[in-house]
Amino acid sequence: MADPEVEHRCGMIAVLGRPNVGKSTLVNSLVGEHLSIVSPKPQTTRHRILGVVQREHAQLLLVDTPGLHRARGRGALNRVLNRTAQQAVEGIDAILVMVDATRITEEDRDVVALIAASDAPAVLAVNKVDKIKRKDALLPVLRMLGELAPWRAVVPVSVTRGTNVAELEAELTRLLPVAPPAYPADQFTDRSTNFLIAERVREQAMMLLQAEVPYGVTVEVERTEEEGKRLIVHASIVVERDSQKGIVIGNGGEMLKRIGTRARKSLIALLGRPIHLQLWVKVRDGWSADERALQQLGYDDR
């Protein structure tokens, strides 16, 4: 039972950082659900995804974003991903910037520069500190990072080990306005079920496919059907070239079957019901270089 004497806080927090610093892993950890898909490959997160952290006296609305990177003419998809991350600072209450303690890059500095575009207070999370064996080597890194911006707090964390994650959450909560909850107590995102299904399929494609193929893959849910307790899902894995189609299908359909089997298990855990997943592979020439195609595929939040 919530204590009526304690004020409730609620607000939007943009989670920013270059690729693979641990943003999605942190969001999933705080939300308590496997909301944002994760893989070791850059550009796994391609959308702005809201995760609702439900606490007794607070509701943190975390906006997970694509990793900000230097596109260098890589194409329309890269421009859209950067634009999605940059726009996340608009209309929010606080900013969380994440960096990897083991490697500070110019892209990290690009992310820090974004906070100047917002009046919102910012916290810096320095992730993966468990990978630094000599703790005295961490101090100059923290000192250097602390001088980059007027942070409200600098928190060294290890998201995978849970080190200082509660402390980071407390720092963020303090920055939020006093306000009632924005979402019901049982809701953990504002994204549709079809979006979550497509992302789970793409996650397995990212994990299983090698080289450049995962970056030419997206997923569309064509339709879903209710059959008693079972949900039947018809979805397409969309690739850019015929050669990629063959790789995704694999010898005798083996790769497509592996992707489907792993995605189905993931969806059963997410949705809590039996799933029948029917996958096809389609070619849409050069979709990642076509801004109109990206909008049709749901990649441009504008």
C-alpha atoms as a PDB file:
ATOM      1  CA  MET A   1       0.000   0.000   0.000  1.00  0.00           C
ATOM      2  CA  ALA A   2       1.453   3.358  -1.038  1.00  0.00           C
ATOM      3  CA  ASP A   3       2.121   5.810   1.774  1.00  0.00           C
ATOM      4  CA  PRO A   4      -0.099   8.892   1.131  1.00  0.00           C
ATOM      5  CA  GLU A   5       2.455  11.013   2.992  1.00  0.00           C
ATOM      6  CA  VAL A   6       5.147  10.341   0.345  1.00  0.00           C
ATOM      7  CA  GLU A   7       4.956  12.341  -2.870  1.00  0.00           C
ATOM      8  CA  HIS A   8       4.794  10.342  -6.098  1.00  0.00           C
ATOM      9  CA  ARG A   9       7.235  11.225  -8.900  1.00  0.00           C
ATOM     10  CA  CYS A  10       6.777  10.554 -12.583  1.00  0.00           C
ATOM     11  CA  GLY A  11       8.635  11.741 -15.675  1.00  0.00           C
ATOM     12  CA  MET A  12      10.361  10.999 -18.957  1.00  0.00           C
ATOM     13  CA  ILE A  13      14.062  10.097 -19.023  1.00  0.00           C
ATOM     14  CA  ALA A  14      15.953   9.929 -22.331  1.00  0.00           C
ATOM     15  CA  VAL A  15      18.613   7.197 -22.288  1.00  0.00           C
ATOM     16  CA  LEU A  16      21.439   8.210 -24.631  1.00  0.00           C
ATOM     17  CA  GLY A  17      24.783   6.720 -25.627  1.00  0.00           C
ATOM     18  CA  ARG A  18      26.802   5.395 -28.515  1.00  0.00           C
ATOM     19  CA  PRO A  19      26.165   1.806 -29.675  1.00  0.00           C
ATOM     20  CA  ASN A  20      26.812  -1.090 -27.305  1.00  0.00           C
ATOM     21  CA  VAL A  21      27.345   0.797 -24.067  1.00  0.00           C
ATOM     22  CA  GLY A  22      24.511  -1.072 -22.311  1.00  0.00           C
ATOM     23  CA  LYS A  23      21.478   1.202 -22.684  1.00  0.00           C
ATOM     24  CA  SER A  24      18.980  -1.509 -23.576  1.00  0.00           C
ATOM     25  CA  THR A  25      20.345  -3.894 -20.944  1.00  0.00           C
ATOM     26  CA  LEU A  26      19.846  -1.198 -18.299  1.00  0.00           C
ATOM     27  CA  VAL A  27      16.325  -0.384 -19.480  1.00  0.00           C
ATOM     28  CA  ASN A  28      15.380  -4.071 -19.405  1.00  0.00           C
ATOM     29  CA  SER A  29      16.861  -4.464 -15.941  1.00  0.00           C
ATOM     30  CA  LEU A  30      14.939  -1.518 -14.474  1.00  0.00           C
ATOM     31  CA  VAL A  31      11.666  -2.309 -16.262  1.00  0.00           C
ATOM     32  CA  GLY A  32      11.910  -5.957 -15.248  1.00  0.00           C
ATOM     33  CA  GLU A  33      10.987  -7.164 -18.728  1.00  0.00           C
ATOM     34  CA  HIS A  34      12.926  -8.124 -21.839  1.00  0.00           C
ATOM     35  CA  LEU A  35      11.597  -5.034 -23.634  1.00  0.00           C
ATOM     36  CA  SER A  36      14.465  -3.772 -25.787  1.00  0.00           C
ATOM     37  CA  ILE A  37      16.180  -6.481 -27.799  1.00  0.00           C
ATOM     38  CA  VAL A  38      19.917  -6.941 -27.264  1.00  0.00           C
ATOM     39  CA  SER A  39      22.790  -8.477 -29.204  1.00  0.00           C
ATOM     40  CA  PRO A  40      26.566  -7.938 -29.411  1.00  0.00           C
ATOM     41  CA  LYS A  41      26.103  -6.207 -32.786  1.00  0.00           C
ATOM     42  CA  PRO A  42      25.824  -2.412 -33.172  1.00  0.00           C
ATOM     43  CA  GLN A  43      22.480  -0.940 -34.271  1.00  0.00           C
ATOM     44  CA  THR A  44      20.453  -3.627 -32.532  1.00  0.00           C
ATOM     45  CA  THR A  45      18.201  -0.881 -31.140  1.00  0.00           C
ATOM     46  CA  ARG A  46      16.629   0.931 -34.096  1.00  0.00           C
ATOM     47  CA  HIS A  47      13.608   2.584 -32.505  1.00  0.00           C
ATOM     48  CA  ARG A  48      12.756   4.905 -29.669  1.00  0.00           C
ATOM     49  CA  ILE A  49      11.205   2.539 -27.116  1.00  0.00           C
ATOM     50  CA  LEU A  50       9.421   3.565 -23.918  1.00  0.00           C
ATOM     51  CA  GLY A  51       9.972   1.389 -20.867  1.00  0.00           C
ATOM     52  CA  VAL A  52       7.817   2.000 -17.790  1.00  0.00           C
ATOM     53  CA  VAL A  53       9.571   1.401 -14.457  1.00  0.00           C
ATOM     54  CA  GLN A  54       6.899   0.808 -11.824  1.00  0.00           C
ATOM     55  CA  ARG A  55       7.811   1.674  -8.246  1.00  0.00           C
ATOM     56  CA  GLU A  56       5.698   2.331  -5.153  1.00  0.00           C
ATOM     57  CA  HIS A  57       6.409   6.060  -5.087  1.00  0.00           C
ATOM     58  CA  ALA A  58       7.642   6.659  -8.633  1.00  0.00           C
ATOM     59  CA  GLN A  59       7.112   5.824 -12.278  1.00  0.00           C
ATOM     60  CA  LEU A  60      10.213   6.269 -14.419  1.00  0.00           C
ATOM     61  CA  LEU A  61       9.461   6.496 -18.146  1.00  0.00           C
ATOM     62  CA  LEU A  62      12.722   5.447 -19.782  1.00  0.00           C
ATOM     63  CA  VAL A  63      13.123   6.263 -23.472  1.00  0.00           C
ATOM     64  CA  ASP A  64      15.614   3.785 -24.932  1.00  0.00           C
ATOM     65  CA  THR A  65      17.223   5.124 -28.113  1.00  0.00           C
ATOM     66  CA  PRO A  66      19.440   3.899 -30.958  1.00  0.00           C
ATOM     67  CA  GLY A  67      23.153   4.299 -30.361  1.00  0.00           C
ATOM     68  CA  LEU A  68      24.365   7.654 -31.637  1.00  0.00           C
ATOM     69  CA  HIS A  69      27.148   7.113 -34.161  1.00  0.00           C
ATOM     70  CA  ARG A  70      29.078   8.972 -36.827  1.00  0.00           C
ATOM     71  CA  ALA A  71      27.223   7.918 -39.981  1.00  0.00           C
ATOM     72  CA  ARG A  72      29.846   9.081 -42.504  1.00  0.00           C
ATOM     73  CA  GLY A  73      27.486   8.608 -45.427  1.00  0.00           C
ATOM     74  CA  ARG A  74      26.420   5.107 -44.419  1.00  0.00           C
ATOM     75  CA  GLY A  75      22.916   5.680 -45.719  1.00  0.00           C
ATOM     76  CA  ALA A  76      19.377   6.624 -44.844  1.00  0.00           C
ATOM     77  CA  LEU A  77      18.941   4.111 -42.021  1.00  0.00           C
ATOM     78  CA  ASN A  78      21.954   5.505 -40.170  1.00  0.00           C
ATOM     79  CA  ARG A  79      20.662   9.049 -40.571  1.00  0.00           C
ATOM     80  CA  VAL A  80      17.239   8.039 -39.265  1.00  0.00           C
ATOM     81  CA  LEU A  81      18.746   6.240 -36.246  1.00  0.00           C
ATOM     82  CA  ASN A  82      20.825   9.279 -35.334  1.00  0.00           C
ATOM     83  CA  ARG A  83      17.839  11.583 -35.796  1.00  0.00           C
ATOM     84  CA  THR A  84      15.742   9.343 -33.533  1.00  0.00           C
ATOM     85  CA  ALA A  85      18.387   9.554 -30.794  1.00  0.00           C
ATOM     86  CA  GLN A  86      18.827  13.314 -31.185  1.00  0.00           C
ATOM     87  CA  GLN A  87      15.099  14.010 -30.977  1.00  0.00           C
ATOM     88  CA  ALA A  88      14.779  12.035 -27.744  1.00  0.00           C
ATOM     89  CA  VAL A  89      15.935  15.046 -25.684  1.00  0.00           C
ATOM     90  CA  GLU A  90      12.852  17.039 -26.709  1.00  0.00           C
ATOM     91  CA  GLY A  91      10.172  17.400 -24.056  1.00  0.00           C
ATOM     92  CA  ILE A  92      11.735  15.172 -21.422  1.00  0.00           C
ATOM     93  CA  ASP A  93      12.347  15.666 -17.697  1.00  0.00           C
ATOM     94  CA  ALA A  94      15.834  14.174 -17.339  1.00  0.00           C
ATOM     95  CA  ILE A  95      18.659  12.726 -19.424  1.00  0.00           C
ATOM     96  CA  LEU A  96      20.723   9.642 -18.693  1.00  0.00           C
ATOM     97  CA  VAL A  97      23.951   9.424 -20.686  1.00  0.00           C
ATOM     98  CA  MET A  98      25.727   6.059 -20.677  1.00  0.00           C
ATOM     99  CA  VAL A  99      29.360   5.415 -21.557  1.00  0.00           C
ATOM    100  CA  ASP A 100      31.597   2.338 -21.488  1.00  0.00           C
ATOM    101  CA  ALA A 101      34.295   2.756 -18.833  1.00  0.00           C
ATOM    102  CA  THR A 102      36.750   0.659 -20.855  1.00  0.00           C
ATOM    103  CA  ARG A 103      36.669   2.841 -23.965  1.00  0.00           C
ATOM    104  CA  ILE A 104      35.806   6.524 -24.322  1.00  0.00           C
ATOM    105  CA  THR A 105      35.402   7.687 -27.942  1.00  0.00           C
ATOM    106  CA  GLU A 106      34.584  10.799 -29.931  1.00  0.00           C
ATOM    107  CA  GLU A 107      31.074   9.404 -30.366  1.00  0.00           C
ATOM    108  CA  ASP A 108      30.707   9.586 -26.567  1.00  0.00           C
ATOM    109  CA  ARG A 109      31.568  13.273 -26.777  1.00  0.00           C
ATOM    110  CA  ASP A 110      28.950  13.678 -29.513  1.00  0.00           C
ATOM    111  CA  VAL A 111      26.360  12.237 -27.132  1.00  0.00           C
ATOM    112  CA  VAL A 112      27.418  14.564 -24.318  1.00  0.00           C
ATOM    113  CA  ALA A 113      27.050  17.505 -26.691  1.00  0.00           C
ATOM    114  CA  LEU A 114      23.373  16.603 -27.150  1.00  0.00           C
ATOM    115  CA  ILE A 115      22.491  17.558 -23.587  1.00  0.00           C
ATOM    116  CA  ALA A 116      23.221  21.184 -24.442  1.00  0.00           C
ATOM    117  CA  ALA A 117      20.101  21.071 -26.645  1.00  0.00           C
ATOM    118  CA  SER A 118      17.919  20.457 -23.593  1.00  0.00           C
ATOM    119  CA  ASP A 119      17.281  22.232 -20.316  1.00  0.00           C
ATOM    120  CA  ALA A 120      16.736  18.891 -18.609  1.00  0.00           C
ATOM    121  CA  PRO A 121      19.139  17.819 -15.837  1.00  0.00           C
ATOM    122  CA  ALA A 122      21.542  15.022 -16.786  1.00  0.00           C
ATOM    123  CA  VAL A 123      23.106  12.044 -15.021  1.00  0.00           C
ATOM    124  CA  LEU A 124      26.120  10.119 -16.326  1.00  0.00           C
ATOM    125  CA  ALA A 125      26.281   6.328 -15.917  1.00  0.00           C
ATOM    126  CA  VAL A 126      29.767   4.890 -16.444  1.00  0.00           C
ATOM    127  CA  ASN A 127      29.045   1.254 -17.288  1.00  0.00           C
ATOM    128  CA  LYS A 128      31.165  -1.921 -17.310  1.00  0.00           C
ATOM    129  CA  VAL A 129      33.372  -0.845 -14.408  1.00  0.00           C
ATOM    130  CA  ASP A 130      33.680  -4.537 -13.492  1.00  0.00           C
ATOM    131  CA  LYS A 131      35.919  -4.952 -16.537  1.00  0.00           C
ATOM    132  CA  ILE A 132      38.522  -2.544 -15.132  1.00  0.00           C
ATOM    133  CA  LYS A 133      40.753  -4.711 -12.953  1.00  0.00           C
ATOM    134  CA  ARG A 134      42.760  -1.925 -11.345  1.00  0.00           C
ATOM    135  CA  LYS A 135      40.244   0.303  -9.590  1.00  0.00           C
ATOM    136  CA  ASP A 136      42.739   3.157  -9.276  1.00  0.00           C
ATOM    137  CA  ALA A 137      42.703   3.324 -13.080  1.00  0.00           C
ATOM    138  CA  LEU A 138      38.993   4.169 -12.946  1.00  0.00           C
ATOM    139  CA  LEU A 139      39.414   7.355 -10.929  1.00  0.00           C
ATOM    140  CA  PRO A 140      41.031   9.479 -13.681  1.00  0.00           C
ATOM    141  CA  VAL A 141      38.376   8.261 -16.142  1.00  0.00           C
ATOM    142  CA  LEU A 142      35.593   9.350 -13.792  1.00  0.00           C
ATOM    143  CA  ARG A 143      37.318  12.665 -13.174  1.00  0.00           C
ATOM    144  CA  MET A 144      37.712  13.336 -16.913  1.00  0.00           C
ATOM    145  CA  LEU A 145      34.098  12.411 -17.663  1.00  0.00           C
ATOM    146  CA  GLY A 146      32.823  14.472 -14.770  1.00  0.00           C
ATOM    147  CA  GLU A 147      34.325  17.591 -16.326  1.00  0.00           C
ATOM    148  CA  LEU A 148      32.534  17.144 -19.681  1.00  0.00           C
ATOM    149  CA  ALA A 149      29.162  18.478 -18.520  1.00  0.00           C
ATOM    150  CA  PRO A 150      27.315  19.832 -15.456  1.00  0.00           C
ATOM    151  CA  TRP A 151      26.130  16.396 -14.349  1.00  0.00           C
ATOM    152  CA  ARG A 152      23.746  16.124 -11.419  1.00  0.00           C
ATOM    153  CA  ALA A 153      25.517  12.844 -10.613  1.00  0.00           C
ATOM    154  CA  VAL A 154      28.193  10.542 -12.041  1.00  0.00           C
ATOM    155  CA  VAL A 155      27.502   6.908 -11.151  1.00  0.00           C
ATOM    156  CA  PRO A 156      29.916   4.024 -11.925  1.00  0.00           C
ATOM    157  CA  VAL A 157      27.843   0.917 -12.643  1.00  0.00           C
ATOM    158  CA  SER A 158      27.960  -2.624 -13.923  1.00  0.00           C
ATOM    159  CA  VAL A 159      24.510  -3.286 -15.335  1.00  0.00           C
ATOM    160  CA  THR A 160      25.120  -6.995 -15.933  1.00  0.00           C
ATOM    161  CA  ARG A 161      26.209  -7.490 -12.314  1.00  0.00           C
ATOM    162  CA  GLY A 162      23.714  -5.034 -10.837  1.00  0.00           C
ATOM    163  CA  THR A 163      26.446  -2.902  -9.274  1.00  0.00           C
ATOM    164  CA  ASN A 164      25.123   0.554  -8.282  1.00  0.00           C
ATOM    165  CA  VAL A 165      22.019   0.167 -10.476  1.00  0.00           C
ATOM    166  CA  ALA A 166      19.738   0.940  -7.513  1.00  0.00           C
ATOM    167  CA  GLU A 167      21.838   4.021  -6.732  1.00  0.00           C
ATOM    168  CA  LEU A 168      21.520   5.154 -10.358  1.00  0.00           C
ATOM    169  CA  GLU A 169      17.749   4.709 -10.231  1.00  0.00           C
ATOM    170  CA  ALA A 170      17.583   6.776  -7.037  1.00  0.00           C
ATOM    171  CA  GLU A 171      19.556   9.627  -8.660  1.00  0.00           C
ATOM    172  CA  LEU A 172      17.198   9.639 -11.646  1.00  0.00           C
ATOM    173  CA  THR A 173      14.081   9.506  -9.475  1.00  0.00           C
ATOM    174  CA  ARG A 174      15.189  12.602  -7.579  1.00  0.00           C
ATOM    175  CA  LEU A 175      15.211  14.574 -10.846  1.00  0.00           C
ATOM    176  CA  LEU A 176      11.595  13.797 -11.754  1.00  0.00           C
ATOM    177  CA  PRO A 177       8.677  16.111 -11.041  1.00  0.00           C
ATOM    178  CA  VAL A 178       6.037  15.314  -8.457  1.00  0.00           C
ATOM    179  CA  ALA A 179       3.226  13.843 -10.535  1.00  0.00           C
ATOM    180  CA  PRO A 180       0.761  10.939 -10.570  1.00  0.00           C
ATOM    181  CA  PRO A 181       1.507   7.795 -12.617  1.00  0.00           C
ATOM    182  CA  ALA A 182       1.142   8.213 -16.388  1.00  0.00           C
ATOM    183  CA  TYR A 183       0.499   4.514 -17.069  1.00  0.00           C
ATOM    184  CA  PRO A 184      -1.444   1.725 -15.331  1.00  0.00           C
ATOM    185  CA  ALA A 185       0.488  -0.378 -12.830  1.00  0.00           C
ATOM    186  CA  ASP A 186       0.571  -3.435 -15.124  1.00  0.00           C
ATOM    187  CA  GLN A 187       1.869  -1.652 -18.246  1.00  0.00           C
ATOM    188  CA  PHE A 188       5.594  -1.739 -19.109  1.00  0.00           C
ATOM    189  CA  THR A 189       5.623  -0.057 -22.545  1.00  0.00           C
ATOM    190  CA  ASP A 190       3.476   1.919 -24.960  1.00  0.00           C
ATOM    191  CA  ARG A 191       4.520  -0.255 -27.924  1.00  0.00           C
ATOM    192  CA  SER A 192       2.040  -2.605 -29.591  1.00  0.00           C
ATOM    193  CA  THR A 193       2.150  -6.383 -29.377  1.00  0.00           C
ATOM    194  CA  ASN A 194       2.948  -6.559 -33.100  1.00  0.00           C
ATOM    195  CA  PHE A 195       5.959  -4.292 -32.567  1.00  0.00           C
ATOM    196  CA  LEU A 196       7.248  -6.500 -29.750  1.00  0.00           C
ATOM    197  CA  ILE A 197       6.750  -9.627 -31.880  1.00  0.00           C
ATOM    198  CA  ALA A 198       8.681  -8.135 -34.810  1.00  0.00           C
ATOM    199  CA  GLU A 199      11.534  -7.100 -32.522  1.00  0.00           C
ATOM    200  CA  ARG A 200      11.827 -10.573 -30.976  1.00  0.00           C
ATOM    201  CA  VAL A 201      12.123 -12.124 -34.437  1.00  0.00           C
ATOM    202  CA  ARG A 202      14.714  -9.528 -35.469  1.00  0.00           C
ATOM    203  CA  GLU A 203      16.662 -10.156 -32.255  1.00  0.00           C
ATOM    204  CA  GLN A 204      17.149 -13.797 -33.171  1.00  0.00           C
ATOM    205  CA  ALA A 205      18.140 -12.873 -36.726  1.00  0.00           C
ATOM    206  CA  MET A 206      20.726 -10.454 -35.303  1.00  0.00           C
ATOM    207  CA  MET A 207      22.094 -13.154 -33.017  1.00  0.00           C
ATOM    208  CA  LEU A 208      22.277 -15.970 -35.589  1.00  0.00           C
ATOM    209  CA  LEU A 209      23.232 -14.252 -38.847  1.00  0.00           C
ATOM    210  CA  GLN A 210      26.824 -13.305 -39.516  1.00  0.00           C
ATOM    211  CA  ALA A 211      28.786 -10.504 -41.231  1.00  0.00           C
ATOM    212  CA  GLU A 212      26.690  -7.694 -42.741  1.00  0.00           C
ATOM    213  CA  VAL A 213      23.477  -9.699 -43.241  1.00  0.00           C
ATOM    214  CA  PRO A 214      21.795  -8.662 -39.925  1.00  0.00           C
ATOM    215  CA  TYR A 215      22.065  -4.983 -40.864  1.00  0.00           C
ATOM    216  CA  GLY A 216      20.047  -5.614 -44.032  1.00  0.00           C
ATOM    217  CA  VAL A 217      17.248  -7.333 -42.111  1.00  0.00           C
ATOM    218  CA  THR A 218      14.005  -5.967 -40.723  1.00  0.00           C
ATOM    219  CA  VAL A 219      10.770  -7.695 -39.743  1.00  0.00           C
ATOM    220  CA  GLU A 220       7.124  -7.003 -40.542  1.00  0.00           C
ATOM    221  CA  VAL A 221       4.180  -8.693 -38.832  1.00  0.00           C
ATOM    222  CA  GLU A 222       1.671  -9.275 -41.622  1.00  0.00           C
ATOM    223  CA  ARG A 223      -1.215 -10.390 -39.413  1.00  0.00           C
ATOM    224  CA  THR A 224      -2.116 -12.283 -36.254  1.00  0.00           C
ATOM    225  CA  GLU A 225      -5.013 -14.664 -35.611  1.00  0.00           C
ATOM    226  CA  GLU A 226      -6.583 -15.897 -32.384  1.00  0.00           C
ATOM    227  CA  GLU A 227      -7.165 -19.652 -32.154  1.00  0.00           C
ATOM    228  CA  GLY A 228      -8.395 -20.381 -28.669  1.00  0.00           C
ATOM    229  CA  LYS A 229      -5.481 -19.774 -26.304  1.00  0.00           C
ATOM    230  CA  ARG A 230      -2.996 -19.888 -29.174  1.00  0.00           C
ATOM    231  CA  LEU A 231      -1.822 -16.828 -31.133  1.00  0.00           C
ATOM    232  CA  ILE A 232      -0.942 -17.450 -34.770  1.00  0.00           C
ATOM    233  CA  VAL A 233       1.592 -14.964 -36.127  1.00  0.00           C
ATOM    234  CA  HIS A 234       2.369 -14.440 -39.807  1.00  0.00           C
ATOM    235  CA  ALA A 235       5.557 -12.391 -40.231  1.00  0.00           C
ATOM    236  CA  SER A 236       8.093 -11.582 -42.919  1.00  0.00           C
ATOM    237  CA  ILE A 237      11.830 -11.166 -42.550  1.00  0.00           C
ATOM    238  CA  VAL A 238      12.658  -8.442 -45.065  1.00  0.00           C
ATOM    239  CA  VAL A 239      16.107  -8.337 -46.689  1.00  0.00           C
ATOM    240  CA  GLU A 240      17.719  -6.051 -49.260  1.00  0.00           C
ATOM    241  CA  ARG A 241      19.135  -8.522 -51.781  1.00  0.00           C
ATOM    242  CA  ASP A 242      18.404 -11.969 -53.199  1.00  0.00           C
ATOM    243  CA  SER A 243      21.747 -13.227 -51.882  1.00  0.00           C
ATOM    244  CA  GLN A 244      20.675 -12.295 -48.337  1.00  0.00           C
ATOM    245  CA  LYS A 245      17.405 -14.171 -48.778  1.00  0.00           C
ATOM    246  CA  GLY A 246      19.303 -17.397 -49.395  1.00  0.00           C
ATOM    247  CA  ILE A 247      21.437 -16.870 -46.303  1.00  0.00           C
ATOM    248  CA  VAL A 248      18.425 -16.176 -44.064  1.00  0.00           C
ATOM    249  CA  ILE A 249      16.632 -19.284 -45.348  1.00  0.00           C
ATOM    250  CA  GLY A 250      19.778 -21.452 -45.137  1.00  0.00           C
ATOM    251  CA  ASN A 251      20.360 -24.949 -46.470  1.00  0.00           C
ATOM    252  CA  GLY A 252      17.034 -26.721 -46.598  1.00  0.00           C
ATOM    253  CA  GLY A 253      15.450 -23.884 -44.608  1.00  0.00           C
ATOM    254  CA  GLU A 254      17.634 -24.656 -41.578  1.00  0.00           C
ATOM    255  CA  MET A 255      18.530 -21.056 -40.646  1.00  0.00           C
ATOM    256  CA  LEU A 256      14.958 -19.780 -40.971  1.00  0.00           C
ATOM    257  CA  LYS A 257      13.802 -22.650 -38.785  1.00  0.00           C
ATOM    258  CA  ARG A 258      16.417 -21.803 -36.129  1.00  0.00           C
ATOM    259  CA  ILE A 259      15.373 -18.150 -36.105  1.00  0.00           C
ATOM    260  CA  GLY A 260      11.706 -19.117 -35.850  1.00  0.00           C
ATOM    261  CA  THR A 261      12.226 -21.669 -33.085  1.00  0.00           C
ATOM    262  CA  ARG A 262      14.202 -19.287 -30.909  1.00  0.00           C
ATOM    263  CA  ALA A 263      11.828 -16.379 -31.579  1.00  0.00           C
ATOM    264  CA  ARG A 264       8.789 -18.513 -30.741  1.00  0.00           C
ATOM    265  CA  LYS A 265      10.272 -19.501 -27.361  1.00  0.00           C
ATOM    266  CA  SER A 266      11.034 -15.853 -26.653  1.00  0.00           C
ATOM    267  CA  LEU A 267       7.487 -14.819 -27.561  1.00  0.00           C
ATOM    268  CA  ILE A 268       5.927 -17.510 -25.380  1.00  0.00           C
ATOM    269  CA  ALA A 269       7.906 -16.119 -22.428  1.00  0.00           C
ATOM    270  CA  LEU A 270       6.865 -12.551 -23.318  1.00  0.00           C
ATOM    271  CA  LEU A 271       3.167 -13.112 -24.017  1.00  0.00           C
ATOM    272  CA  GLY A 272       2.526 -16.040 -21.691  1.00  0.00           C
ATOM    273  CA  ARG A 273       0.551 -18.080 -24.216  1.00  0.00           C
ATOM    274  CA  PRO A 274       1.120 -20.674 -26.970  1.00  0.00           C
ATOM    275  CA  ILE A 275       2.481 -19.179 -30.198  1.00  0.00           C
ATOM    276  CA  HIS A 276       2.484 -20.515 -33.741  1.00  0.00           C
ATOM    277  CA  LEU A 277       4.995 -18.463 -35.731  1.00  0.00           C
ATOM    278  CA  GLN A 278       4.934 -18.630 -39.518  1.00  0.00           C
ATOM    279  CA  LEU A 279       7.929 -16.876 -41.135  1.00  0.00           C
ATOM    280  CA  TRP A 280       8.644 -15.928 -44.730  1.00  0.00           C
ATOM    281  CA  VAL A 281      11.621 -14.110 -46.259  1.00  0.00           C
ATOM    282  CA  LYS A 282      10.981 -11.241 -48.660  1.00  0.00           C
ATOM    283  CA  VAL A 283      13.329  -9.068 -50.729  1.00  0.00           C
ATOM    284  CA  ARG A 284      12.790  -5.321 -50.744  1.00  0.00           C
ATOM    285  CA  ASP A 285      15.656  -3.889 -52.755  1.00  0.00           C
ATOM    286  CA  GLY A 286      17.737  -1.339 -50.854  1.00  0.00           C
ATOM    287  CA  TRP A 287      15.145  -0.636 -48.151  1.00  0.00           C
ATOM    288  CA  SER A 288      17.736   0.734 -45.708  1.00  0.00           C
ATOM    289  CA  ALA A 289      18.840   3.401 -48.198  1.00  0.00           C
ATOM    290  CA  ASP A 290      15.303   4.596 -49.008  1.00  0.00           C
ATOM    291  CA  GLU A 291      13.794   7.080 -46.529  1.00  0.00           C
ATOM    292  CA  ARG A 292      10.275   6.472 -47.857  1.00  0.00           C
ATOM    293  CA  ALA A 293      10.685   2.732 -47.337  1.00  0.00           C
ATOM    294  CA  LEU A 294      12.017   3.377 -43.835  1.00  0.00           C
ATOM    295  CA  GLN A 295       8.900   5.376 -42.968  1.00  0.00           C
ATOM    296  CA  GLN A 296       6.681   2.595 -44.322  1.00  0.00           C
ATOM    297  CA  LEU A 297       8.598   0.084 -42.211  1.00  0.00           C
ATOM    298  CA  GLY A 298       8.125   2.184 -39.081  1.00  0.00           C
ATOM    299  CA  TYR A 299      11.678   3.481 -38.693  1.00  0.00           C
ATOM    300  CA  ASP A 300      11.107   7.226 -38.729  1.00  0.00           C
ATOM    301  CA  ASP A 301       9.425   8.552 -35.580  1.00  0.00           C
ATOM    302  CA  ARG A 302       8.682  11.882 -37.188  1.00  0.00           C
END
